[in-house]
Every structure is written in C-alpha cells, then in structure tokens.
C-alpha cells in the first residue's frame, strides 16, 4: 500500500497522527478503539506493507491523500480529502471523479 500525502498533510502527517489515523481507518478501527495508537504496528504485524510518499505539487485541497492499494495484480486508487469536523470526501476512485462525503455531519 502506498499513501500519497499532499500539502499540509505532507508537512504534518506524523506530528498530527494522520499516518496512524489513515492506517487505523483502513484496518476498520473505530475512532475510539483502544488500540488505535498501535495501528501502524498492527498493520506491520499482519503483513501490510505501507509506504508514505510526500508530494510537493498542489492538490485540489490542502488535506488531500491518495491511497494506492494493491492485492496481487489488482490495484485500487482512491483520493480523499479531510474537510474538517471528522468528515471526509472521496473525490476520485480509479481515475473517476466522485463526490462522496462521510463522517459525523453526514449520518
């Protein structure tokens, strides 16, 4: 798995815990999971290899992340934006533009 971080995410991802939060979410952990802080370790222990790539170019939003997930020959690319207040928007899936919003404001 490769996680591309843009703009402010690229600058602050470790200090603000973005790396841990992204991996915890991919593992299906809830925000109040007591093991959330161990998400990177858990992923490693179960054989998930993760690379964080810091991108210099501008993106559609300062808090943009692109996930490149692979399993065998299959590749899934998802681009998302943290829009604040615990909410995210999926803006692209495998090159197709989308506008899917999730989070506490969208229940």
PDB file of N, CA and C in Angstrom:
ATOM      1  N   UNK A   1       0.845  -1.160   0.000  1.00  0.00           N
ATOM      2  CA  UNK A   1       0.000   0.000   0.000  1.00  0.00           C
ATOM      3  C   UNK A   1       0.898   1.233   0.000  1.00  0.00           C
ATOM      4  N   UNK A   2       0.534   2.173  -0.844  1.00  0.00           N
ATOM      5  CA  UNK A   2       1.253   3.441  -0.873  1.00  0.00           C
ATOM      6  C   UNK A   2       0.251   4.538  -0.540  1.00  0.00           C
ATOM      7  N   UNK A   3       0.636   5.406   0.374  1.00  0.00           N
ATOM      8  CA  UNK A   3      -0.208   6.529   0.772  1.00  0.00           C
ATOM      9  C   UNK A   3       0.521   7.810   0.387  1.00  0.00           C
ATOM     10  N   UNK A   4      -0.073   8.556  -0.551  1.00  0.00           N
ATOM     11  CA  UNK A   4       0.495   9.823  -1.009  1.00  0.00           C
ATOM     12  C   UNK A   4      -0.163  10.950  -0.226  1.00  0.00           C
ATOM     13  N   UNK A   5       0.650  11.796   0.379  1.00  0.00           N
ATOM     14  CA  UNK A   5       0.154  12.906   1.184  1.00  0.00           C
ATOM     15  C   UNK A   5       0.521  14.223   0.512  1.00  0.00           C
ATOM     16  N   UNK A   6      -0.444  15.124   0.431  1.00  0.00           N
ATOM     17  CA  UNK A   6      -0.265  16.400  -0.253  1.00  0.00           C
ATOM     18  C   UNK A   6      -0.341  17.572   0.729  1.00  0.00           C
ATOM     19  N   UNK A   7       0.330  18.630   0.375  1.00  0.00           N
ATOM     20  CA  UNK A   7       0.291  19.929   1.044  1.00  0.00           C
ATOM     21  C   UNK A   7       0.383  19.810   2.566  1.00  0.00           C
ATOM     22  N   UNK A   8      -0.629  20.262   3.311  1.00  0.00           N
ATOM     23  CA  UNK A   8      -0.498  20.273   4.774  1.00  0.00           C
ATOM     24  C   UNK A   8      -0.367  18.866   5.349  1.00  0.00           C
ATOM     25  N   UNK A   9      -1.008  17.883   4.738  1.00  0.00           N
ATOM     26  CA  UNK A   9      -0.844  16.508   5.215  1.00  0.00           C
ATOM     27  C   UNK A   9       0.608  16.061   5.072  1.00  0.00           C
ATOM     28  N   UNK A  10       1.251  16.441   3.989  1.00  0.00           N
ATOM     29  CA  UNK A  10       2.651  16.059   3.770  1.00  0.00           C
ATOM     30  C   UNK A  10       3.567  16.705   4.807  1.00  0.00           C
ATOM     31  N   UNK A  11       3.189  17.875   5.273  1.00  0.00           N
ATOM     32  CA  UNK A  11       4.025  18.600   6.230  1.00  0.00           C
ATOM     33  C   UNK A  11       3.823  18.138   7.674  1.00  0.00           C
ATOM     34  N   UNK A  12       2.625  17.664   8.000  1.00  0.00           N
ATOM     35  CA  UNK A  12       2.293  17.421   9.410  1.00  0.00           C
ATOM     36  C   UNK A  12       1.825  16.004   9.725  1.00  0.00           C
ATOM     37  N   UNK A  13       1.891  15.095   8.766  1.00  0.00           N
ATOM     38  CA  UNK A  13       1.221  13.801   8.930  1.00  0.00           C
ATOM     39  C   UNK A  13       1.650  13.022  10.165  1.00  0.00           C
ATOM     40  N   UNK A  14       2.920  13.053  10.528  1.00  0.00           N
ATOM     41  CA  UNK A  14       3.348  12.298  11.709  1.00  0.00           C
ATOM     42  C   UNK A  14       3.020  13.049  12.996  1.00  0.00           C
ATOM     43  N   UNK A  15       3.281  14.326  13.020  1.00  0.00           N
ATOM     44  CA  UNK A  15       3.036  15.119  14.224  1.00  0.00           C
ATOM     45  C   UNK A  15       1.571  15.196  14.608  1.00  0.00           C
ATOM     46  N   UNK A  16       0.693  15.169  13.624  1.00  0.00           N
ATOM     47  CA  UNK A  16      -0.746  15.255  13.893  1.00  0.00           C
ATOM     48  C   UNK A  16      -1.422  13.891  13.927  1.00  0.00           C
ATOM     49  N   UNK A  17      -0.660  12.828  13.688  1.00  0.00           N
ATOM     50  CA  UNK A  17      -1.228  11.486  13.753  1.00  0.00           C
ATOM     51  C   UNK A  17      -2.014  11.064  12.527  1.00  0.00           C
ATOM     52  N   UNK A  18      -1.858  11.793  11.432  1.00  0.00           N
ATOM     53  CA  UNK A  18      -2.578  11.452  10.206  1.00  0.00           C
ATOM     54  C   UNK A  18      -2.187  10.067   9.711  1.00  0.00           C
ATOM     55  N   UNK A  19      -0.914   9.725   9.828  1.00  0.00           N
ATOM     56  CA  UNK A  19      -0.457   8.404   9.388  1.00  0.00           C
ATOM     57  C   UNK A  19      -1.163   7.299  10.164  1.00  0.00           C
ATOM     58  N   UNK A  20      -1.231   7.450  11.464  1.00  0.00           N
ATOM     59  CA  UNK A  20      -1.881   6.455  12.318  1.00  0.00           C
ATOM     60  C   UNK A  20      -3.380   6.395  12.017  1.00  0.00           C
ATOM     61  N   UNK A  21      -4.018   7.550  11.882  1.00  0.00           N
ATOM     62  CA  UNK A  21      -5.463   7.601  11.631  1.00  0.00           C
ATOM     63  C   UNK A  21      -5.823   6.951  10.296  1.00  0.00           C
ATOM     64  N   UNK A  22      -5.034   7.219   9.259  1.00  0.00           N
ATOM     65  CA  UNK A  22      -5.315   6.625   7.952  1.00  0.00           C
ATOM     66  C   UNK A  22      -5.217   5.104   8.003  1.00  0.00           C
ATOM     67  N   UNK A  23      -4.164   4.607   8.606  1.00  0.00           N
ATOM     68  CA  UNK A  23      -3.974   3.156   8.678  1.00  0.00           C
ATOM     69  C   UNK A  23      -5.038   2.525   9.576  1.00  0.00           C
ATOM     70  N   UNK A  24      -5.366   3.171  10.673  1.00  0.00           N
ATOM     71  CA  UNK A  24      -6.421   2.654  11.551  1.00  0.00           C
ATOM     72  C   UNK A  24      -7.741   2.540  10.794  1.00  0.00           C
ATOM     73  N   UNK A  25      -8.059   3.554  10.013  1.00  0.00           N
ATOM     74  CA  UNK A  25      -9.281   3.508   9.215  1.00  0.00           C
ATOM     75  C   UNK A  25      -9.266   2.371   8.213  1.00  0.00           C
ATOM     76  N   UNK A  26      -8.134   2.170   7.564  1.00  0.00           N
ATOM     77  CA  UNK A  26      -8.016   1.074   6.599  1.00  0.00           C
ATOM     78  C   UNK A  26      -8.119  -0.292   7.276  1.00  0.00           C
ATOM     79  N   UNK A  27      -7.741  -0.350   8.541  1.00  0.00           N
ATOM     80  CA  UNK A  27      -7.870  -1.594   9.305  1.00  0.00           C
ATOM     81  C   UNK A  27      -9.285  -1.781   9.852  1.00  0.00           C
ATOM     82  N   UNK A  28     -10.144  -0.776   9.662  1.00  0.00           N
ATOM     83  CA  UNK A  28     -11.516  -0.872  10.143  1.00  0.00           C
ATOM     84  C   UNK A  28     -11.688  -0.508  11.604  1.00  0.00           C
ATOM     85  N   UNK A  29     -10.712   0.184  12.160  1.00  0.00           N
ATOM     86  CA  UNK A  29     -10.781   0.565  13.570  1.00  0.00           C
ATOM     87  C   UNK A  29     -11.689   1.782  13.748  1.00  0.00           C
ATOM     88  N   UNK A  30     -12.454   1.780  14.812  1.00  0.00           N
ATOM     89  CA  UNK A  30     -13.298   2.925  15.156  1.00  0.00           C
ATOM     90  C   UNK A  30     -12.432   4.012  15.790  1.00  0.00           C
ATOM     91  N   UNK A  31     -12.880   5.275  15.722  1.00  0.00           N
ATOM     92  CA  UNK A  31     -12.094   6.363  16.316  1.00  0.00           C
ATOM     93  C   UNK A  31     -11.819   6.199  17.807  1.00  0.00           C
ATOM     94  N   UNK A  32     -12.667   5.454  18.506  1.00  0.00           N
ATOM     95  CA  UNK A  32     -12.464   5.263  19.948  1.00  0.00           C
ATOM     96  C   UNK A  32     -11.843   3.901  20.281  1.00  0.00           C
ATOM     97  N   UNK A  33     -11.314   3.215  19.279  1.00  0.00           N
ATOM     98  CA  UNK A  33     -10.682   1.911  19.504  1.00  0.00           C
ATOM     99  C   UNK A  33      -9.473   2.093  20.423  1.00  0.00           C
ATOM    100  N   UNK A  34      -9.385   1.335  21.506  1.00  0.00           N
ATOM    101  CA  UNK A  34      -8.262   1.499  22.432  1.00  0.00           C
ATOM    102  C   UNK A  34      -6.901   1.151  21.810  1.00  0.00           C
ATOM    103  N   UNK A  35      -6.901   0.408  20.709  1.00  0.00           N
ATOM    104  CA  UNK A  35      -5.649   0.033  20.047  1.00  0.00           C
ATOM    105  C   UNK A  35      -5.292   0.956  18.881  1.00  0.00           C
ATOM    106  N   UNK A  36      -6.059   2.013  18.685  1.00  0.00           N
ATOM    107  CA  UNK A  36      -5.848   2.896  17.534  1.00  0.00           C
ATOM    108  C   UNK A  36      -4.410   3.400  17.446  1.00  0.00           C
ATOM    109  N   UNK A  37      -3.826   3.769  18.553  1.00  0.00           N
ATOM    110  CA  UNK A  37      -2.461   4.315  18.525  1.00  0.00           C
ATOM    111  C   UNK A  37      -1.435   3.286  18.049  1.00  0.00           C
ATOM    112  N   UNK A  38      -1.815   2.026  18.023  1.00  0.00           N
ATOM    113  CA  UNK A  38      -0.922   0.949  17.588  1.00  0.00           C
ATOM    114  C   UNK A  38      -1.196   0.509  16.149  1.00  0.00           C
ATOM    115  N   UNK A  39      -1.969   1.281  15.400  1.00  0.00           N
ATOM    116  CA  UNK A  39      -2.393   0.875  14.058  1.00  0.00           C
ATOM    117  C   UNK A  39      -1.222   0.552  13.130  1.00  0.00           C
ATOM    118  N   UNK A  40      -0.176   1.360  13.143  1.00  0.00           N
ATOM    119  CA  UNK A  40       0.967   1.098  12.263  1.00  0.00           C
ATOM    120  C   UNK A  40       1.638  -0.223  12.627  1.00  0.00           C
ATOM    121  N   UNK A  41       1.782  -0.471  13.910  1.00  0.00           N
ATOM    122  CA  UNK A  41       2.391  -1.717  14.386  1.00  0.00           C
ATOM    123  C   UNK A  41       1.511  -2.915  14.028  1.00  0.00           C
ATOM    124  N   UNK A  42       0.211  -2.781  14.234  1.00  0.00           N
ATOM    125  CA  UNK A  42      -0.720  -3.872  13.925  1.00  0.00           C
ATOM    126  C   UNK A  42      -0.678  -4.194  12.436  1.00  0.00           C
ATOM    127  N   UNK A  43      -0.693  -3.168  11.599  1.00  0.00           N
ATOM    128  CA  UNK A  43      -0.634  -3.383  10.150  1.00  0.00           C
ATOM    129  C   UNK A  43       0.633  -4.148   9.780  1.00  0.00           C
ATOM    130  N   UNK A  44       1.742  -3.750  10.347  1.00  0.00           N
ATOM    131  CA  UNK A  44       3.012  -4.425  10.072  1.00  0.00           C
ATOM    132  C   UNK A  44       2.971  -5.882  10.528  1.00  0.00           C
ATOM    133  N   UNK A  45       2.423  -6.111  11.713  1.00  0.00           N
ATOM    134  CA  UNK A  45       2.363  -7.469  12.268  1.00  0.00           C
ATOM    135  C   UNK A  45       1.505  -8.412  11.429  1.00  0.00           C
ATOM    136  N   UNK A  46       0.496  -7.867  10.743  1.00  0.00           N
ATOM    137  CA  UNK A  46      -0.352  -8.735   9.921  1.00  0.00           C
ATOM    138  C   UNK A  46       0.089  -8.742   8.453  1.00  0.00           C
ATOM    139  N   UNK A  47       1.267  -8.161   8.203  1.00  0.00           N
ATOM    140  CA  UNK A  47       1.868  -8.260   6.877  1.00  0.00           C
ATOM    141  C   UNK A  47       1.496  -7.183   5.881  1.00  0.00           C
ATOM    142  N   UNK A  48       0.900  -6.099   6.344  1.00  0.00           N
ATOM    143  CA  UNK A  48       0.568  -4.999   5.440  1.00  0.00           C
ATOM    144  C   UNK A  48       1.766  -4.059   5.372  1.00  0.00           C
ATOM    145  N   UNK A  49       2.302  -3.906   4.168  1.00  0.00           N
ATOM    146  CA  UNK A  49       3.439  -3.010   3.960  1.00  0.00           C
ATOM    147  C   UNK A  49       2.910  -1.656   3.512  1.00  0.00           C
ATOM    148  N   UNK A  50       3.332  -0.615   4.209  1.00  0.00           N
ATOM    149  CA  UNK A  50       2.831   0.733   3.942  1.00  0.00           C
ATOM    150  C   UNK A  50       3.999   1.666   3.678  1.00  0.00           C
ATOM    151  N   UNK A  51       3.884   2.426   2.596  1.00  0.00           N
ATOM    152  CA  UNK A  51       4.861   3.470   2.292  1.00  0.00           C
ATOM    153  C   UNK A  51       4.129   4.802   2.257  1.00  0.00           C
ATOM    154  N   UNK A  52       4.686   5.793   2.929  1.00  0.00           N
ATOM    155  CA  UNK A  52       4.147   7.149   2.872  1.00  0.00           C
ATOM    156  C   UNK A  52       5.023   7.952   1.923  1.00  0.00           C
ATOM    157  N   UNK A  53       4.386   8.591   0.937  1.00  0.00           N
ATOM    158  CA  UNK A  53       5.103   9.392  -0.050  1.00  0.00           C
ATOM    159  C   UNK A  53       4.603  10.827   0.073  1.00  0.00           C
ATOM    160  N   UNK A  54       5.529  11.738   0.312  1.00  0.00           N
ATOM    161  CA  UNK A  54       5.180  13.149   0.472  1.00  0.00           C
ATOM    162  C   UNK A  54       5.266  13.835  -0.881  1.00  0.00           C
ATOM    163  N   UNK A  55       4.149  14.371  -1.337  1.00  0.00           N
ATOM    164  CA  UNK A  55       4.075  15.001  -2.656  1.00  0.00           C
ATOM    165  C   UNK A  55       4.238  16.514  -2.519  1.00  0.00           C
ATOM    166  N   UNK A  56       4.987  17.087  -3.434  1.00  0.00           N
ATOM    167  CA  UNK A  56       5.261  18.519  -3.402  1.00  0.00           C
ATOM    168  C   UNK A  56       4.237  19.344  -4.178  1.00  0.00           C
ATOM    169  N   UNK A  57       3.610  18.737  -5.189  1.00  0.00           N
ATOM    170  CA  UNK A  57       2.705  19.519  -6.029  1.00  0.00           C
ATOM    171  C   UNK A  57       1.399  19.848  -5.309  1.00  0.00           C
ATOM    172  N   UNK A  58       0.742  20.884  -5.807  1.00  0.00           N
ATOM    173  CA  UNK A  58      -0.544  21.315  -5.261  1.00  0.00           C
ATOM    174  C   UNK A  58      -1.605  20.268  -5.580  1.00  0.00           C
ATOM    175  N   UNK A  59      -2.606  20.216  -4.722  1.00  0.00           N
ATOM    176  CA  UNK A  59      -3.730  19.315  -4.941  1.00  0.00           C
ATOM    177  C   UNK A  59      -5.018  20.124  -4.864  1.00  0.00           C
ATOM    178  N   UNK A  60      -6.136  19.433  -5.020  1.00  0.00           N
ATOM    179  CA  UNK A  60      -7.417  20.137  -5.009  1.00  0.00           C
ATOM    180  C   UNK A  60      -7.758  20.718  -3.631  1.00  0.00           C
ATOM    181  N   UNK A  61      -7.105  20.223  -2.590  1.00  0.00           N
ATOM    182  CA  UNK A  61      -7.363  20.677  -1.217  1.00  0.00           C
ATOM    183  C   UNK A  61      -6.091  20.431  -0.408  1.00  0.00           C
ATOM    184  N   UNK A  62      -5.785  21.280   0.575  1.00  0.00           N
ATOM    185  CA  UNK A  62      -4.546  21.097   1.355  1.00  0.00           C
ATOM    186  C   UNK A  62      -4.481  19.789   2.146  1.00  0.00           C
ATOM    187  N   UNK A  63      -5.627  19.213   2.473  1.00  0.00           N
ATOM    188  CA  UNK A  63      -5.653  17.967   3.249  1.00  0.00           C
ATOM    189  C   UNK A  63      -6.054  16.794   2.358  1.00  0.00           C
ATOM    190  N   UNK A  64      -5.287  16.587   1.312  1.00  0.00           N
ATOM    191  CA  UNK A  64      -5.588  15.526   0.344  1.00  0.00           C
ATOM    192  C   UNK A  64      -4.664  14.341   0.551  1.00  0.00           C
ATOM    193  N   UNK A  65      -5.242  13.157   0.417  1.00  0.00           N
ATOM    194  CA  UNK A  65      -4.483  11.915   0.485  1.00  0.00           C
ATOM    195  C   UNK A  65      -4.937  11.018  -0.664  1.00  0.00           C
ATOM    196  N   UNK A  66      -3.998  10.310  -1.241  1.00  0.00           N
ATOM    197  CA  UNK A  66      -4.333   9.321  -2.264  1.00  0.00           C
ATOM    198  C   UNK A  66      -3.806   7.972  -1.795  1.00  0.00           C
ATOM    199  N   UNK A  67      -4.682   6.994  -1.796  1.00  0.00           N
ATOM    200  CA  UNK A  67      -4.326   5.639  -1.393  1.00  0.00           C
ATOM    201  C   UNK A  67      -4.187   4.778  -2.640  1.00  0.00           C
ATOM    202  N   UNK A  68      -3.109   4.042  -2.713  1.00  0.00           N
ATOM    203  CA  UNK A  68      -2.912   3.080  -3.801  1.00  0.00           C
ATOM    204  C   UNK A  68      -2.811   1.713  -3.133  1.00  0.00           C
ATOM    205  N   UNK A  69      -3.884   0.963  -3.264  1.00  0.00           N
ATOM    206  CA  UNK A  69      -3.995  -0.328  -2.603  1.00  0.00           C
ATOM    207  C   UNK A  69      -3.806  -1.433  -3.633  1.00  0.00           C
ATOM    208  N   UNK A  70      -2.977  -2.400  -3.312  1.00  0.00           N
ATOM    209  CA  UNK A  70      -2.721  -3.490  -4.247  1.00  0.00           C
ATOM    210  C   UNK A  70      -2.919  -4.835  -3.566  1.00  0.00           C
ATOM    211  N   UNK A  71      -3.412  -5.770  -4.343  1.00  0.00           N
ATOM    212  CA  UNK A  71      -3.511  -7.165  -3.909  1.00  0.00           C
ATOM    213  C   UNK A  71      -3.303  -8.001  -5.159  1.00  0.00           C
ATOM    214  N   UNK A  72      -2.148  -8.635  -5.229  1.00  0.00           N
ATOM    215  CA  UNK A  72      -1.806  -9.372  -6.442  1.00  0.00           C
ATOM    216  C   UNK A  72      -1.766  -8.402  -7.610  1.00  0.00           C
ATOM    217  N   UNK A  73      -2.434  -8.743  -8.705  1.00  0.00           N
ATOM    218  CA  UNK A  73      -2.418  -7.853  -9.870  1.00  0.00           C
ATOM    219  C   UNK A  73      -3.438  -6.710  -9.783  1.00  0.00           C
ATOM    220  N   UNK A  74      -4.288  -6.742  -8.759  1.00  0.00           N
ATOM    221  CA  UNK A  74      -5.342  -5.725  -8.645  1.00  0.00           C
ATOM    222  C   UNK A  74      -4.815  -4.472  -7.962  1.00  0.00           C
ATOM    223  N   UNK A  75      -5.221  -3.323  -8.494  1.00  0.00           N
ATOM    224  CA  UNK A  75      -4.829  -2.027  -7.934  1.00  0.00           C
ATOM    225  C   UNK A  75      -6.084  -1.170  -7.800  1.00  0.00           C
ATOM    226  N   UNK A  76      -6.244  -0.549  -6.644  1.00  0.00           N
ATOM    227  CA  UNK A  76      -7.334   0.393  -6.407  1.00  0.00           C
ATOM    228  C   UNK A  76      -6.709   1.699  -5.946  1.00  0.00           C
ATOM    229  N   UNK A  77      -7.078   2.789  -6.596  1.00  0.00           N
ATOM    230  CA  UNK A  77      -6.586   4.106  -6.211  1.00  0.00           C
ATOM    231  C   UNK A  77      -7.779   4.953  -5.774  1.00  0.00           C
ATOM    232  N   UNK A  78      -7.678   5.506  -4.569  1.00  0.00           N
ATOM    233  CA  UNK A  78      -8.749   6.329  -4.010  1.00  0.00           C
ATOM    234  C   UNK A  78      -8.136   7.634  -3.518  1.00  0.00           C
ATOM    235  N   UNK A  79      -8.738   8.754  -3.911  1.00  0.00           N
ATOM    236  CA  UNK A  79      -8.293  10.063  -3.444  1.00  0.00           C
ATOM    237  C   UNK A  79      -9.362  10.633  -2.530  1.00  0.00           C
ATOM    238  N   UNK A  80      -8.931  11.112  -1.373  1.00  0.00           N
ATOM    239  CA  UNK A  80      -9.861  11.675  -0.410  1.00  0.00           C
ATOM    240  C   UNK A  80      -9.339  12.962   0.194  1.00  0.00           C
ATOM    241  N   UNK A  81     -10.253  13.689   0.809  1.00  0.00           N
ATOM    242  CA  UNK A  81      -9.941  14.982   1.410  1.00  0.00           C
ATOM    243  C   UNK A  81     -10.533  15.009   2.815  1.00  0.00           C
ATOM    244  N   UNK A  82      -9.750  15.466   3.775  1.00  0.00           N
ATOM    245  CA  UNK A  82     -10.277  15.730   5.106  1.00  0.00           C
ATOM    246  C   UNK A  82     -10.871  17.131   5.071  1.00  0.00           C
ATOM    247  N   UNK A  83     -12.199  17.219   5.241  1.00  0.00           N
ATOM    248  CA  UNK A  83     -12.867  18.514   5.119  1.00  0.00           C
ATOM    249  C   UNK A  83     -13.221  19.116   6.483  1.00  0.00           C
ATOM    250  N   UNK A  84     -12.688  18.519   7.543  1.00  0.00           N
ATOM    251  CA  UNK A  84     -12.850  19.079   8.884  1.00  0.00           C
ATOM    252  C   UNK A  84     -14.013  18.488   9.651  1.00  0.00           C
ATOM    253  N   UNK A  85     -13.944  18.623  10.948  1.00  0.00           N
ATOM    254  CA  UNK A  85     -15.016  18.161  11.817  1.00  0.00           C
ATOM    255  C   UNK A  85     -15.223  16.658  11.800  1.00  0.00           C
ATOM    256  N   UNK A  86     -14.174  15.901  11.491  1.00  0.00           N
ATOM    257  CA  UNK A  86     -14.300  14.450  11.420  1.00  0.00           C
ATOM    258  C   UNK A  86     -14.954  13.964  10.143  1.00  0.00           C
ATOM    259  N   UNK A  87     -14.983  14.811   9.126  1.00  0.00           N
ATOM    260  CA  UNK A  87     -15.638  14.476   7.866  1.00  0.00           C
ATOM    261  C   UNK A  87     -14.621  14.349   6.740  1.00  0.00           C
ATOM    262  N   UNK A  88     -14.906  13.431   5.820  1.00  0.00           N
ATOM    263  CA  UNK A  88     -14.053  13.251   4.647  1.00  0.00           C
ATOM    264  C   UNK A  88     -14.901  13.257   3.387  1.00  0.00           C
ATOM    265  N   UNK A  89     -14.240  13.530   2.287  1.00  0.00           N
ATOM    266  CA  UNK A  89     -14.898  13.453   0.984  1.00  0.00           C
ATOM    267  C   UNK A  89     -14.007  12.630   0.057  1.00  0.00           C
ATOM    268  N   UNK A  90     -14.575  11.611  -0.555  1.00  0.00           N
ATOM    269  CA  UNK A  90     -13.872  10.843  -1.580  1.00  0.00           C
ATOM    270  C   UNK A  90     -14.063  11.607  -2.882  1.00  0.00           C
ATOM    271  N   UNK A  91     -12.956  12.005  -3.508  1.00  0.00           N
ATOM    272  CA  UNK A  91     -13.057  12.832  -4.711  1.00  0.00           C
ATOM    273  C   UNK A  91     -12.737  12.072  -5.995  1.00  0.00           C
ATOM    274  N   UNK A  92     -12.098  10.907  -5.864  1.00  0.00           N
ATOM    275  CA  UNK A  92     -11.748  10.156  -7.070  1.00  0.00           C
ATOM    276  C   UNK A  92     -11.521   8.687  -6.721  1.00  0.00           C
ATOM    277  N   UNK A  93     -12.012   7.807  -7.585  1.00  0.00           N
ATOM    278  CA  UNK A  93     -11.788   6.368  -7.443  1.00  0.00           C
ATOM    279  C   UNK A  93     -11.329   5.842  -8.793  1.00  0.00           C
ATOM    280  N   UNK A  94     -10.123   5.307  -8.830  1.00  0.00           N
ATOM    281  CA  UNK A  94      -9.542   4.758 -10.064  1.00  0.00           C
ATOM    282  C   UNK A  94      -9.662   5.709 -11.251  1.00  0.00           C
ATOM    283  N   UNK A  95      -9.408   6.991 -11.004  1.00  0.00           N
ATOM    284  CA  UNK A  95      -9.414   7.978 -12.077  1.00  0.00           C
ATOM    285  C   UNK A  95     -10.771   8.576 -12.390  1.00  0.00           C
ATOM    286  N   UNK A  96     -11.821   8.093 -11.746  1.00  0.00           N
ATOM    287  CA  UNK A  96     -13.163   8.624 -11.972  1.00  0.00           C
ATOM    288  C   UNK A  96     -13.515   9.598 -10.858  1.00  0.00           C
ATOM    289  N   UNK A  97     -13.888  10.817 -11.229  1.00  0.00           N
ATOM    290  CA  UNK A  97     -14.260  11.840 -10.252  1.00  0.00           C
ATOM    291  C   UNK A  97     -15.524  11.417  -9.512  1.00  0.00           C
ATOM    292  N   UNK A  98     -15.522  11.655  -8.208  1.00  0.00           N
ATOM    293  CA  UNK A  98     -16.653  11.334  -7.341  1.00  0.00           C
ATOM    294  C   UNK A  98     -16.815  12.460  -6.336  1.00  0.00           C
ATOM    295  N   UNK A  99     -17.950  12.490  -5.665  1.00  0.00           N
ATOM    296  CA  UNK A  99     -18.179  13.433  -4.568  1.00  0.00           C
ATOM    297  C   UNK A  99     -18.970  12.695  -3.494  1.00  0.00           C
ATOM    298  N   UNK A 100     -18.274  11.831  -2.766  1.00  0.00           N
ATOM    299  CA  UNK A 100     -18.895  11.033  -1.714  1.00  0.00           C
ATOM    300  C   UNK A 100     -18.416  11.562  -0.371  1.00  0.00           C
ATOM    301  N   UNK A 101     -19.350  11.934   0.495  1.00  0.00           N
ATOM    302  CA  UNK A 101     -18.988  12.503   1.792  1.00  0.00           C
ATOM    303  C   UNK A 101     -19.380  11.563   2.918  1.00  0.00           C
ATOM    304  N   UNK A 102     -18.497  11.482   3.921  1.00  0.00           N
ATOM    305  CA  UNK A 102     -18.701  10.606   5.069  1.00  0.00           C
ATOM    306  C   UNK A 102     -18.263  11.331   6.330  1.00  0.00           C
ATOM    307  N   UNK A 103     -18.845  10.951   7.445  1.00  0.00           N
ATOM    308  CA  UNK A 103     -18.414  11.500   8.724  1.00  0.00           C
ATOM    309  C   UNK A 103     -19.583  11.863   9.600  1.00  0.00           C
ATOM    310  N   UNK A 104     -19.271  12.513  10.703  1.00  0.00           N
ATOM    311  CA  UNK A 104     -20.284  12.812  11.709  1.00  0.00           C
ATOM    312  C   UNK A 104     -21.373  13.756  11.205  1.00  0.00           C
ATOM    313  N   UNK A 105     -21.072  14.609  10.240  1.00  0.00           N
ATOM    314  CA  UNK A 105     -22.076  15.542   9.719  1.00  0.00           C
ATOM    315  C   UNK A 105     -22.978  14.910   8.666  1.00  0.00           C
ATOM    316  N   UNK A 106     -22.668  13.679   8.254  1.00  0.00           N
ATOM    317  CA  UNK A 106     -23.390  13.063   7.143  1.00  0.00           C
ATOM    318  C   UNK A 106     -24.146  11.808   7.549  1.00  0.00           C
ATOM    319  N   UNK A 107     -24.485  11.679   8.817  1.00  0.00           N
ATOM    320  CA  UNK A 107     -25.203  10.482   9.287  1.00  0.00           C
ATOM    321  C   UNK A 107     -26.664  10.561   8.940  1.00  0.00           C
TER     322      UNK A 107
END
